[in-house]
Amino acid sequence: MLMGFIHNDYEHTSEKFKILYFKRWGEECVYKTLKDRFHLENFTGKTENSVKQDFWAIILAATMLIVMEEEVKIEIREDRNDKNNKYEYQVNRNIFVGILRNDLIYAFSGNTTRIVHGRLKKVVTKDKTSLQ
């Protein structure tokens, strides 16, 4: 819909379209993560309910990824602060998604909040070197 609108709009300059495109870039990156790394379009069932469950589970996992990734970034920054590296170390998102996908269900299956929190902490700190 938007592309058709842009394609047929001859009143605006290409510079304005460039600005609009870059404003959308963040959303495009989020969708790419949902689609490519969390396999958003690969539903486990065909019923409306199973599709909704899969969708919301992926949204939850992606939200947790963002929150946990920020914590790991802070830890990486603190660990690397005095190293004077030319470039800042970053989280390897592919590995992090794999860790989340494999360990998230286990983490949430704890009987108490304390157990769940402890397991989630282990997911965040699991092999930090592999996340860099």
C-alpha atoms as a PDB file:
ATOM      1  CA  MET A   1       0.000   0.000   0.000  1.00  0.00           C
ATOM      2  CA  LEU A   2       2.672   2.479   1.031  1.00  0.00           C
ATOM      3  CA  MET A   3       4.920   1.524  -1.872  1.00  0.00           C
ATOM      4  CA  GLY A   4       2.074   2.064  -4.326  1.00  0.00           C
ATOM      5  CA  PHE A   5       1.477   5.456  -2.796  1.00  0.00           C
ATOM      6  CA  ILE A   6       5.129   6.403  -3.038  1.00  0.00           C
ATOM      7  CA  HIS A   7       5.485   5.028  -6.531  1.00  0.00           C
ATOM      8  CA  ASN A   8       2.629   7.184  -7.839  1.00  0.00           C
ATOM      9  CA  ASP A   9       3.592  10.343  -5.941  1.00  0.00           C
ATOM     10  CA  TYR A  10       5.340  12.740  -8.290  1.00  0.00           C
ATOM     11  CA  GLU A  11       4.988  15.852  -6.135  1.00  0.00           C
ATOM     12  CA  HIS A  12       7.723  15.020  -3.625  1.00  0.00           C
ATOM     13  CA  THR A  13      11.446  15.017  -4.230  1.00  0.00           C
ATOM     14  CA  SER A  14      13.635  11.957  -3.983  1.00  0.00           C
ATOM     15  CA  GLU A  15      15.303  13.620  -0.989  1.00  0.00           C
ATOM     16  CA  LYS A  16      12.012  13.474   0.945  1.00  0.00           C
ATOM     17  CA  PHE A  17      11.660   9.784   0.088  1.00  0.00           C
ATOM     18  CA  LYS A  18      15.179   9.177   1.365  1.00  0.00           C
ATOM     19  CA  ILE A  19      14.229  10.758   4.694  1.00  0.00           C
ATOM     20  CA  LEU A  20      11.057   8.644   4.895  1.00  0.00           C
ATOM     21  CA  TYR A  21      12.962   5.479   4.054  1.00  0.00           C
ATOM     22  CA  PHE A  22      15.538   6.014   6.789  1.00  0.00           C
ATOM     23  CA  LYS A  23      12.773   6.747   9.318  1.00  0.00           C
ATOM     24  CA  ARG A  24      11.393   3.273   8.534  1.00  0.00           C
ATOM     25  CA  TRP A  25      14.767   1.558   8.789  1.00  0.00           C
ATOM     26  CA  GLY A  26      14.401   0.666  12.489  1.00  0.00           C
ATOM     27  CA  GLU A  27      11.080  -1.053  11.841  1.00  0.00           C
ATOM     28  CA  GLU A  28      12.549  -2.934   8.894  1.00  0.00           C
ATOM     29  CA  CYS A  29      15.387  -4.234  11.102  1.00  0.00           C
ATOM     30  CA  VAL A  30      12.926  -5.391  13.769  1.00  0.00           C
ATOM     31  CA  TYR A  31      10.835  -7.206  11.161  1.00  0.00           C
ATOM     32  CA  LYS A  32      13.968  -8.829   9.726  1.00  0.00           C
ATOM     33  CA  THR A  33      14.881 -10.122  13.193  1.00  0.00           C
ATOM     34  CA  LEU A  34      11.360 -11.457  13.747  1.00  0.00           C
ATOM     35  CA  LYS A  35      11.224 -13.097  10.344  1.00  0.00           C
ATOM     36  CA  ASP A  36      14.769 -14.404   9.867  1.00  0.00           C
ATOM     37  CA  ARG A  37      15.974 -15.148  13.372  1.00  0.00           C
ATOM     38  CA  PHE A  38      12.751 -16.005  15.204  1.00  0.00           C
ATOM     39  CA  HIS A  39      11.095 -17.577  12.132  1.00  0.00           C
ATOM     40  CA  LEU A  40       7.906 -15.565  12.604  1.00  0.00           C
ATOM     41  CA  GLU A  41       6.248 -17.001   9.518  1.00  0.00           C
ATOM     42  CA  ASN A  42       6.846 -20.664  10.487  1.00  0.00           C
ATOM     43  CA  PHE A  43       3.818 -21.418  12.635  1.00  0.00           C
ATOM     44  CA  THR A  44       3.509 -24.698  14.511  1.00  0.00           C
ATOM     45  CA  GLY A  45      -0.170 -25.110  13.651  1.00  0.00           C
ATOM     46  CA  LYS A  46      -2.843 -23.999  11.229  1.00  0.00           C
ATOM     47  CA  THR A  47      -5.613 -22.962  13.583  1.00  0.00           C
ATOM     48  CA  GLU A  48      -6.209 -19.340  14.485  1.00  0.00           C
ATOM     49  CA  ASN A  49      -5.383 -20.064  18.112  1.00  0.00           C
ATOM     50  CA  SER A  50      -2.049 -21.761  17.362  1.00  0.00           C
ATOM     51  CA  VAL A  51      -0.999 -18.934  15.032  1.00  0.00           C
ATOM     52  CA  LYS A  52      -1.850 -16.360  17.722  1.00  0.00           C
ATOM     53  CA  GLN A  53       0.055 -18.337  20.356  1.00  0.00           C
ATOM     54  CA  ASP A  54       3.112 -18.613  18.121  1.00  0.00           C
ATOM     55  CA  PHE A  55       2.951 -14.928  17.215  1.00  0.00           C
ATOM     56  CA  TRP A  56       2.727 -13.707  20.817  1.00  0.00           C
ATOM     57  CA  ALA A  57       5.388 -16.155  21.999  1.00  0.00           C
ATOM     58  CA  ILE A  58       7.753 -14.766  19.359  1.00  0.00           C
ATOM     59  CA  ILE A  59       6.886 -11.175  20.296  1.00  0.00           C
ATOM     60  CA  LEU A  60       7.615 -12.019  23.949  1.00  0.00           C
ATOM     61  CA  ALA A  61      10.926 -13.669  23.048  1.00  0.00           C
ATOM     62  CA  ALA A  62      11.928 -10.730  20.823  1.00  0.00           C
ATOM     63  CA  THR A  63      11.068  -8.247  23.572  1.00  0.00           C
ATOM     64  CA  MET A  64      13.104 -10.249  26.047  1.00  0.00           C
ATOM     65  CA  LEU A  65      15.963 -10.338  23.545  1.00  0.00           C
ATOM     66  CA  ILE A  66      15.983  -6.545  23.396  1.00  0.00           C
ATOM     67  CA  VAL A  67      15.903  -6.150  27.181  1.00  0.00           C
ATOM     68  CA  MET A  68      18.510  -8.829  27.845  1.00  0.00           C
ATOM     69  CA  GLU A  69      20.697  -7.612  24.996  1.00  0.00           C
ATOM     70  CA  GLU A  70      20.884  -4.188  26.653  1.00  0.00           C
ATOM     71  CA  GLU A  71      22.069  -5.805  29.887  1.00  0.00           C
ATOM     72  CA  VAL A  72      24.723  -7.787  28.040  1.00  0.00           C
ATOM     73  CA  LYS A  73      25.836  -4.664  26.142  1.00  0.00           C
ATOM     74  CA  ILE A  74      26.376  -2.875  29.449  1.00  0.00           C
ATOM     75  CA  GLU A  75      28.415  -5.811  30.774  1.00  0.00           C
ATOM     76  CA  ILE A  76      30.482  -5.958  27.582  1.00  0.00           C
ATOM     77  CA  ARG A  77      31.129  -2.204  27.788  1.00  0.00           C
ATOM     78  CA  GLU A  78      32.235  -2.533  31.417  1.00  0.00           C
ATOM     79  CA  ASP A  79      34.491  -5.505  30.623  1.00  0.00           C
ATOM     80  CA  ARG A  80      36.067  -3.769  27.614  1.00  0.00           C
ATOM     81  CA  ASN A  81      36.153  -0.221  29.036  1.00  0.00           C
ATOM     82  CA  ASP A  82      39.899  -0.053  29.724  1.00  0.00           C
ATOM     83  CA  LYS A  83      41.000  -2.054  26.663  1.00  0.00           C
ATOM     84  CA  ASN A  84      41.175   0.934  24.254  1.00  0.00           C
ATOM     85  CA  ASN A  85      39.808  -1.079  21.335  1.00  0.00           C
ATOM     86  CA  LYS A  86      39.310   0.688  18.043  1.00  0.00           C
ATOM     87  CA  TYR A  87      35.731  -0.629  17.759  1.00  0.00           C
ATOM     88  CA  GLU A  88      33.135  -1.331  20.408  1.00  0.00           C
ATOM     89  CA  TYR A  89      32.336  -5.006  20.945  1.00  0.00           C
ATOM     90  CA  GLN A  90      28.729  -5.936  20.185  1.00  0.00           C
ATOM     91  CA  VAL A  91      26.424  -8.796  21.004  1.00  0.00           C
ATOM     92  CA  ASN A  92      26.330 -11.495  18.357  1.00  0.00           C
ATOM     93  CA  ARG A  93      22.563 -11.488  17.905  1.00  0.00           C
ATOM     94  CA  ASN A  94      22.446 -14.809  16.031  1.00  0.00           C
ATOM     95  CA  ILE A  95      24.088 -16.636  18.922  1.00  0.00           C
ATOM     96  CA  PHE A  96      21.951 -14.768  21.449  1.00  0.00           C
ATOM     97  CA  VAL A  97      18.732 -15.739  19.648  1.00  0.00           C
ATOM     98  CA  GLY A  98      19.911 -19.355  19.624  1.00  0.00           C
ATOM     99  CA  ILE A  99      20.585 -19.246  23.358  1.00  0.00           C
ATOM    100  CA  LEU A 100      17.189 -17.683  23.998  1.00  0.00           C
ATOM    101  CA  ARG A 101      15.378 -20.141  21.773  1.00  0.00           C
ATOM    102  CA  ASN A 102      17.011 -23.124  23.459  1.00  0.00           C
ATOM    103  CA  ASP A 103      16.913 -21.970  27.076  1.00  0.00           C
ATOM    104  CA  LEU A 104      13.870 -19.709  27.405  1.00  0.00           C
ATOM    105  CA  ILE A 105      11.284 -22.450  27.938  1.00  0.00           C
ATOM    106  CA  TYR A 106      13.522 -24.079  30.544  1.00  0.00           C
ATOM    107  CA  ALA A 107      13.980 -20.726  32.304  1.00  0.00           C
ATOM    108  CA  PHE A 108      10.253 -20.056  32.507  1.00  0.00           C
ATOM    109  CA  SER A 109       9.404 -23.548  33.709  1.00  0.00           C
ATOM    110  CA  GLY A 110      10.650 -22.831  37.225  1.00  0.00           C
ATOM    111  CA  ASN A 111       8.173 -23.245  40.071  1.00  0.00           C
ATOM    112  CA  THR A 112       9.037 -20.004  41.834  1.00  0.00           C
ATOM    113  CA  THR A 113       9.941 -16.484  40.812  1.00  0.00           C
ATOM    114  CA  ARG A 114      13.355 -16.967  42.380  1.00  0.00           C
ATOM    115  CA  ILE A 115      14.077 -20.050  40.251  1.00  0.00           C
ATOM    116  CA  VAL A 116      12.864 -18.322  37.069  1.00  0.00           C
ATOM    117  CA  HIS A 117      14.986 -15.241  37.819  1.00  0.00           C
ATOM    118  CA  GLY A 118      18.041 -17.409  38.513  1.00  0.00           C
ATOM    119  CA  ARG A 119      17.601 -19.334  35.278  1.00  0.00           C
ATOM    120  CA  LEU A 120      17.105 -16.153  33.262  1.00  0.00           C
ATOM    121  CA  LYS A 121      20.282 -14.739  34.811  1.00  0.00           C
ATOM    122  CA  LYS A 122      22.120 -17.863  33.649  1.00  0.00           C
ATOM    123  CA  VAL A 123      20.771 -17.351  30.126  1.00  0.00           C
ATOM    124  CA  VAL A 124      22.104 -13.783  30.107  1.00  0.00           C
ATOM    125  CA  THR A 125      25.504 -14.720  31.487  1.00  0.00           C
ATOM    126  CA  LYS A 126      25.796 -18.019  29.591  1.00  0.00           C
ATOM    127  CA  ASP A 127      29.070 -18.073  27.742  1.00  0.00           C
ATOM    128  CA  LYS A 128      29.370 -14.277  27.502  1.00  0.00           C
ATOM    129  CA  THR A 129      32.402 -14.619  25.287  1.00  0.00           C
ATOM    130  CA  SER A 130      30.317 -16.317  22.605  1.00  0.00           C
ATOM    131  CA  LEU A 131      27.961 -13.335  22.551  1.00  0.00           C
ATOM    132  CA  GLN A 132      30.680 -10.859  21.642  1.00  0.00           C
END
